Structures are given as C-alpha cells and as structure tokens.
C-alpha cells in the first residue's frame, strides 16, 4: 500500500551560491514504509556526489553551485510502486 499524498511536499528554496540548501519532504504512509529518493529535472540523484546527503526525507546540499538550480521532486518508493511529489524549485543567486 502507498497511501494518498505526501504528508509534506518539498517547498521552493532560494539560496546564495556557496551556501547550503535543504529540501525536505515527508512521504506518504505506506506498507512497507516507503524509502525516499530525489530527482532533479527528471533524473534520479545519486548520493555518490559527496556534496549531497539524503537522510529521511531531507535532501541536503553542502555547498550549492549555479548548476544545482532546477526542479526537484521527492520520490517515495516501496514494493507497491512509486509516487512523485509536487515539484519544488531550487533557485541559486
């Protein structure tokens, strides 16, 4: 089961280049408990990037770059399937 909507969809974030950024979402309830991943501009993010940390529903960027700007979507996945959140914009000045 993957229940209705995200309990907290990510919100738009505006930061200055070089500053950290945090996007946060709370996935829908599910059984089994869904795990959270993130997509940027439609592409799954890899936590191989050392500037990126994904913990719980949080996506943390240690130091932002202009290239980090874009549309981010929180993805909840379990055995039943996956569900995307509403998109959030990350704006870098």
Protein backbone atom coordinates (compact mmCIF):
# COMPACT_ATOMS: atom_id res chain seq x y z
CA UNK A 1 0.00 0.00 0.00
CA UNK A 2 1.19 3.52 -0.80
CA UNK A 3 -1.29 5.91 0.76
CA UNK A 4 -2.52 9.12 -0.75
CA UNK A 5 -0.33 12.14 -0.96
CA UNK A 6 2.89 13.32 0.54
CA UNK A 7 2.37 14.40 4.12
CA UNK A 8 4.71 17.32 3.38
CA UNK A 9 5.73 18.07 -0.21
CA UNK A 10 9.01 19.91 -0.75
CA UNK A 11 8.83 23.71 -0.94
CA UNK A 12 10.76 26.12 -3.11
CA UNK A 13 14.18 27.13 -1.78
CA UNK A 14 16.26 30.19 -2.63
CA UNK A 15 19.93 30.34 -1.60
CA UNK A 16 23.12 32.19 -2.46
CA UNK A 17 25.73 30.14 -4.36
CA UNK A 18 28.17 28.53 -1.93
CA UNK A 19 25.59 28.32 0.88
CA UNK A 20 24.00 25.02 1.94
CA UNK A 21 20.46 24.16 0.81
CA UNK A 22 17.93 21.75 2.31
CA UNK A 23 14.83 20.43 0.56
CA UNK A 24 12.51 18.45 2.77
CA UNK A 25 9.54 16.17 2.22
CA UNK A 26 7.52 13.74 4.30
CA UNK A 27 6.48 10.78 2.14
CA UNK A 28 3.02 9.22 2.16
CA UNK A 29 2.39 6.49 4.70
CA UNK A 30 2.89 3.06 3.20
CA UNK A 31 3.33 -0.61 3.89
CA UNK A 32 6.14 -1.41 3.63
CA UNK A 33 7.41 2.01 4.74
CA UNK A 34 8.44 3.88 1.56
CA UNK A 35 12.03 4.95 1.08
CA UNK A 36 12.72 8.42 -0.26
CA UNK A 37 14.88 9.38 -3.19
CA UNK A 38 15.07 12.60 -5.21
CA UNK A 39 15.02 13.61 -8.85
CA UNK A 40 16.41 16.81 -10.32
CA UNK A 41 14.95 17.87 -13.67
CA UNK A 42 13.55 14.35 -14.08
CA UNK A 43 16.82 12.49 -13.37
CA UNK A 44 17.37 10.42 -10.21
CA UNK A 45 20.06 11.92 -7.98
CA UNK A 46 22.92 9.73 -6.85
CA UNK A 47 24.25 10.00 -3.32
CA UNK A 48 27.68 9.26 -4.86
CA UNK A 49 28.02 13.06 -5.11
CA UNK A 50 29.84 13.95 -1.88
CA UNK A 51 28.06 17.32 -1.70
CA UNK A 52 24.69 15.53 -1.48
CA UNK A 53 23.19 13.89 1.58
CA UNK A 54 19.81 12.17 1.54
CA UNK A 55 18.59 11.37 5.03
CA UNK A 56 14.97 10.52 5.70
CA UNK A 57 13.01 12.96 3.57
CA UNK A 58 15.76 15.58 3.52
CA UNK A 59 17.99 16.37 0.58
CA UNK A 60 20.96 18.41 1.78
CA UNK A 61 23.45 20.14 -0.49
CA UNK A 62 26.59 21.11 1.41
CA UNK A 63 27.70 23.90 -0.90
CA UNK A 64 25.42 24.96 -3.71
CA UNK A 65 26.56 25.77 -7.22
CA UNK A 66 24.71 27.55 -10.01
CA UNK A 67 24.35 24.13 -11.68
CA UNK A 68 22.29 22.87 -8.69
CA UNK A 69 19.41 25.17 -9.65
CA UNK A 70 16.43 23.32 -11.08
CA UNK A 71 13.24 21.42 -10.39
CA UNK A 72 13.41 18.82 -7.63
CA UNK A 73 10.90 16.05 -6.95
CA UNK A 74 10.74 13.84 -3.88
CA UNK A 75 10.09 10.19 -4.81
CA UNK A 76 8.55 7.67 -2.38
CA UNK A 77 9.15 4.03 -3.35
CA UNK A 78 8.03 0.75 -1.85
CA UNK A 79 7.14 -2.75 -3.11
CA UNK A 80 3.83 -1.46 -4.48
CA UNK A 81 5.30 1.25 -6.66
CA UNK A 82 6.49 4.81 -6.57
CA UNK A 83 4.91 8.21 -6.23
CA UNK A 84 6.36 11.62 -7.09
CA UNK A 85 5.73 14.74 -5.03
CA UNK A 86 4.77 18.09 -6.47
CA UNK A 87 7.90 19.74 -7.88
CA UNK A 88 9.92 22.32 -5.93
CA UNK A 89 12.29 24.89 -7.37
CA UNK A 90 15.83 25.42 -6.11
CA UNK A 91 16.94 28.91 -7.07
CA UNK A 92 20.63 29.87 -6.75
CA UNK A 93 21.71 33.50 -6.72
